[in-house]
N, C-alpha and C. Protein backbone atom coordinates (compact mmCIF):
# COMPACT_ATOMS: atom_id res chain seq x y z
N MET A 1 0.84 -1.19 0.00
CA MET A 1 0.00 0.00 0.00
C MET A 1 0.88 1.24 0.00
N GLY A 2 0.42 2.28 -0.66
CA GLY A 2 1.16 3.53 -0.69
C GLY A 2 0.86 4.37 0.54
N ASN A 3 1.43 5.56 0.58
CA ASN A 3 1.24 6.41 1.74
C ASN A 3 0.20 7.51 1.51
N LYS A 4 -0.50 7.48 0.36
CA LYS A 4 -1.53 8.47 0.07
C LYS A 4 -2.89 7.80 0.11
N ILE A 5 -3.83 8.42 0.85
CA ILE A 5 -5.16 7.83 0.96
C ILE A 5 -6.23 8.80 0.47
N TYR A 6 -7.35 8.21 0.05
CA TYR A 6 -8.53 8.95 -0.37
C TYR A 6 -9.51 8.93 0.79
N VAL A 7 -10.14 10.07 1.07
CA VAL A 7 -11.16 10.16 2.10
C VAL A 7 -12.41 10.73 1.46
N GLY A 8 -13.45 9.91 1.35
CA GLY A 8 -14.69 10.33 0.71
C GLY A 8 -15.82 10.46 1.72
N ASN A 9 -16.88 11.12 1.29
CA ASN A 9 -18.08 11.35 2.09
C ASN A 9 -17.78 12.23 3.31
N LEU A 10 -16.86 13.17 3.13
CA LEU A 10 -16.52 14.11 4.21
C LEU A 10 -17.69 15.06 4.47
N PRO A 11 -17.85 15.48 5.72
CA PRO A 11 -18.81 16.56 5.98
C PRO A 11 -18.39 17.79 5.16
N PHE A 12 -19.34 18.51 4.61
CA PHE A 12 -19.01 19.65 3.76
C PHE A 12 -18.36 20.79 4.54
N SER A 13 -18.46 20.72 5.87
CA SER A 13 -17.84 21.75 6.71
C SER A 13 -16.34 21.52 6.90
N PHE A 14 -15.83 20.34 6.48
CA PHE A 14 -14.42 20.00 6.68
C PHE A 14 -13.52 20.78 5.74
N GLY A 15 -12.45 21.32 6.32
CA GLY A 15 -11.38 21.94 5.55
C GLY A 15 -10.11 21.15 5.85
N GLU A 16 -8.97 21.68 5.42
CA GLU A 16 -7.70 21.00 5.62
C GLU A 16 -7.40 20.79 7.11
N LYS A 17 -7.68 21.79 7.93
CA LYS A 17 -7.40 21.69 9.37
C LYS A 17 -8.19 20.54 10.01
N GLU A 18 -9.48 20.45 9.70
CA GLU A 18 -10.32 19.40 10.27
C GLU A 18 -9.87 18.02 9.79
N LEU A 19 -9.45 17.94 8.53
CA LEU A 19 -8.96 16.68 7.98
C LEU A 19 -7.69 16.25 8.71
N ARG A 20 -6.77 17.19 8.91
CA ARG A 20 -5.54 16.89 9.66
C ARG A 20 -5.85 16.48 11.09
N ASP A 21 -6.79 17.18 11.73
CA ASP A 21 -7.16 16.87 13.11
C ASP A 21 -7.75 15.46 13.22
N ALA A 22 -8.59 15.08 12.26
CA ALA A 22 -9.26 13.78 12.30
C ALA A 22 -8.29 12.62 12.07
N PHE A 23 -7.22 12.85 11.28
CA PHE A 23 -6.32 11.75 10.91
C PHE A 23 -4.92 11.87 11.51
N GLY A 24 -4.63 12.94 12.20
CA GLY A 24 -3.29 13.19 12.72
C GLY A 24 -2.80 12.18 13.73
N SER A 25 -3.70 11.50 14.43
CA SER A 25 -3.28 10.54 15.45
C SER A 25 -2.66 9.27 14.86
N PHE A 26 -2.77 9.08 13.55
CA PHE A 26 -2.25 7.86 12.91
C PHE A 26 -0.80 8.00 12.47
N GLY A 27 -0.28 9.21 12.47
CA GLY A 27 1.11 9.42 12.07
C GLY A 27 1.29 10.79 11.46
N GLU A 28 2.53 11.06 11.06
CA GLU A 28 2.86 12.36 10.49
C GLU A 28 2.21 12.53 9.12
N ILE A 29 1.48 13.64 8.97
CA ILE A 29 0.83 13.97 7.70
C ILE A 29 1.70 14.98 6.98
N THR A 30 2.08 14.65 5.74
CA THR A 30 2.90 15.58 4.97
C THR A 30 2.05 16.49 4.09
N GLU A 31 0.83 16.04 3.76
CA GLU A 31 -0.06 16.86 2.94
C GLU A 31 -1.50 16.42 3.18
N ALA A 32 -2.40 17.39 3.28
CA ALA A 32 -3.83 17.12 3.41
C ALA A 32 -4.57 18.12 2.53
N THR A 33 -5.44 17.62 1.68
CA THR A 33 -6.14 18.47 0.74
C THR A 33 -7.62 18.09 0.69
N VAL A 34 -8.48 19.08 0.83
CA VAL A 34 -9.92 18.88 0.62
C VAL A 34 -10.22 19.48 -0.74
N ILE A 35 -10.85 18.70 -1.61
CA ILE A 35 -11.16 19.15 -2.96
C ILE A 35 -12.40 20.03 -2.93
N SER A 36 -12.29 21.21 -3.55
CA SER A 36 -13.41 22.13 -3.56
C SER A 36 -13.79 22.50 -4.99
N ASP A 37 -15.04 22.92 -5.14
CA ASP A 37 -15.56 23.34 -6.43
C ASP A 37 -14.81 24.58 -6.90
N ARG A 38 -14.40 24.60 -8.13
CA ARG A 38 -13.61 25.69 -8.69
C ARG A 38 -14.36 27.02 -8.67
N HIS A 39 -15.67 26.97 -8.88
CA HIS A 39 -16.45 28.20 -9.00
C HIS A 39 -16.99 28.70 -7.66
N SER A 40 -17.57 27.79 -6.88
CA SER A 40 -18.20 28.22 -5.62
C SER A 40 -17.24 28.18 -4.44
N GLY A 41 -16.17 27.39 -4.55
CA GLY A 41 -15.24 27.25 -3.43
C GLY A 41 -15.73 26.29 -2.37
N ARG A 42 -16.91 25.72 -2.55
CA ARG A 42 -17.50 24.79 -1.58
C ARG A 42 -16.85 23.42 -1.71
N SER A 43 -16.68 22.75 -0.58
CA SER A 43 -16.10 21.41 -0.56
C SER A 43 -16.93 20.46 -1.42
N LYS A 44 -16.24 19.57 -2.12
CA LYS A 44 -16.94 18.53 -2.90
C LYS A 44 -17.18 17.28 -2.06
N GLY A 45 -16.70 17.29 -0.80
CA GLY A 45 -16.97 16.17 0.10
C GLY A 45 -15.94 15.06 0.05
N PHE A 46 -14.77 15.34 -0.53
CA PHE A 46 -13.70 14.34 -0.51
C PHE A 46 -12.35 15.03 -0.50
N GLY A 47 -11.34 14.26 -0.13
CA GLY A 47 -10.00 14.81 -0.09
C GLY A 47 -8.95 13.72 -0.08
N PHE A 48 -7.70 14.13 0.06
CA PHE A 48 -6.57 13.21 0.06
C PHE A 48 -5.62 13.57 1.19
N ILE A 49 -5.01 12.55 1.77
CA ILE A 49 -4.02 12.74 2.82
C ILE A 49 -2.78 11.93 2.44
N THR A 50 -1.62 12.56 2.55
CA THR A 50 -0.36 11.86 2.35
C THR A 50 0.34 11.77 3.69
N PHE A 51 0.65 10.54 4.08
CA PHE A 51 1.36 10.30 5.33
C PHE A 51 2.85 10.13 5.06
N ALA A 52 3.66 10.32 6.09
CA ALA A 52 5.10 10.15 5.96
C ALA A 52 5.47 8.68 5.77
N SER A 53 4.60 7.77 6.23
CA SER A 53 4.92 6.34 6.10
C SER A 53 3.71 5.55 5.61
N ASP A 54 3.99 4.43 4.93
CA ASP A 54 2.94 3.53 4.46
C ASP A 54 2.16 2.94 5.63
N GLU A 55 2.87 2.66 6.74
CA GLU A 55 2.24 2.04 7.91
C GLU A 55 1.17 2.95 8.49
N SER A 56 1.46 4.25 8.56
CA SER A 56 0.49 5.21 9.08
C SER A 56 -0.75 5.26 8.20
N ALA A 57 -0.54 5.25 6.90
CA ALA A 57 -1.66 5.27 5.95
C ALA A 57 -2.53 4.03 6.12
N GLN A 58 -1.90 2.87 6.26
CA GLN A 58 -2.63 1.62 6.43
C GLN A 58 -3.46 1.65 7.72
N LYS A 59 -2.87 2.14 8.81
CA LYS A 59 -3.60 2.23 10.08
C LYS A 59 -4.80 3.16 9.95
N ALA A 60 -4.63 4.27 9.26
CA ALA A 60 -5.71 5.23 9.08
C ALA A 60 -6.87 4.63 8.29
N VAL A 61 -6.55 3.90 7.22
CA VAL A 61 -7.59 3.26 6.40
C VAL A 61 -8.36 2.25 7.25
N GLU A 62 -7.65 1.41 7.98
CA GLU A 62 -8.29 0.37 8.78
C GLU A 62 -9.18 0.97 9.87
N ALA A 63 -8.72 2.04 10.49
CA ALA A 63 -9.46 2.61 11.62
C ALA A 63 -10.61 3.53 11.19
N MET A 64 -10.44 4.24 10.09
CA MET A 64 -11.40 5.29 9.74
C MET A 64 -12.42 4.92 8.67
N ASN A 65 -12.17 3.86 7.89
CA ASN A 65 -13.13 3.48 6.86
C ASN A 65 -14.44 3.04 7.52
N GLY A 66 -15.53 3.69 7.17
CA GLY A 66 -16.84 3.36 7.73
C GLY A 66 -17.17 4.10 9.02
N LYS A 67 -16.23 4.86 9.56
CA LYS A 67 -16.46 5.59 10.80
C LYS A 67 -17.34 6.81 10.53
N GLU A 68 -18.31 7.04 11.41
CA GLU A 68 -19.18 8.19 11.26
C GLU A 68 -18.49 9.44 11.79
N THR A 69 -18.46 10.47 10.96
CA THR A 69 -17.86 11.75 11.33
C THR A 69 -18.77 12.86 10.83
N GLY A 70 -19.22 13.68 11.73
CA GLY A 70 -20.09 14.79 11.33
C GLY A 70 -21.38 14.32 10.70
N GLY A 71 -21.88 13.16 11.13
CA GLY A 71 -23.13 12.62 10.59
C GLY A 71 -22.99 11.89 9.26
N ARG A 72 -21.75 11.69 8.80
CA ARG A 72 -21.53 11.00 7.53
C ARG A 72 -20.55 9.86 7.73
N GLU A 73 -20.79 8.76 7.03
CA GLU A 73 -19.92 7.58 7.11
C GLU A 73 -18.77 7.74 6.11
N LEU A 74 -17.56 7.85 6.64
CA LEU A 74 -16.39 8.07 5.79
C LEU A 74 -16.07 6.85 4.93
N LYS A 75 -15.60 7.11 3.73
CA LYS A 75 -15.10 6.08 2.81
C LYS A 75 -13.61 6.35 2.66
N VAL A 76 -12.80 5.47 3.22
CA VAL A 76 -11.35 5.69 3.24
C VAL A 76 -10.66 4.51 2.56
N SER A 77 -9.78 4.80 1.60
CA SER A 77 -9.06 3.75 0.89
C SER A 77 -7.76 4.31 0.36
N GLU A 78 -6.94 3.41 -0.16
CA GLU A 78 -5.70 3.84 -0.80
C GLU A 78 -6.05 4.70 -2.02
N ALA A 79 -5.36 5.79 -2.21
CA ALA A 79 -5.61 6.65 -3.37
C ALA A 79 -5.11 5.94 -4.62
N LYS A 80 -5.90 6.06 -5.69
CA LYS A 80 -5.52 5.47 -6.97
C LYS A 80 -4.86 6.55 -7.82
N ALA A 81 -4.02 6.14 -8.72
CA ALA A 81 -3.36 7.09 -9.63
C ALA A 81 -4.41 7.80 -10.48
N ARG A 82 -4.20 9.06 -10.72
CA ARG A 82 -5.13 9.85 -11.52
C ARG A 82 -5.09 9.41 -12.97
N GLU A 83 -6.27 9.22 -13.55
CA GLU A 83 -6.34 8.82 -14.96
C GLU A 83 -6.30 10.05 -15.85
N GLU A 84 -5.65 9.92 -16.97
CA GLU A 84 -5.56 11.04 -17.92
C GLU A 84 -6.84 11.23 -18.68
């Protein structure tokens, strides 16, 4: 498994800080991004987290996938390479 994970079904109120706070206990986060709409700036409800180690990413996926946060059940998995 790689060290970058996908986090889907995020509460729309989540920004980068909330994402880091929710996943920071699993290890060092080198990057956290919440994807937002280009025009409105509103969160699209998903984001990506890059951990310093593969082990931290694996622990985060195992612990957080299916966990309810802000009234929504998170979908957490290894991030897939972007298709062209």
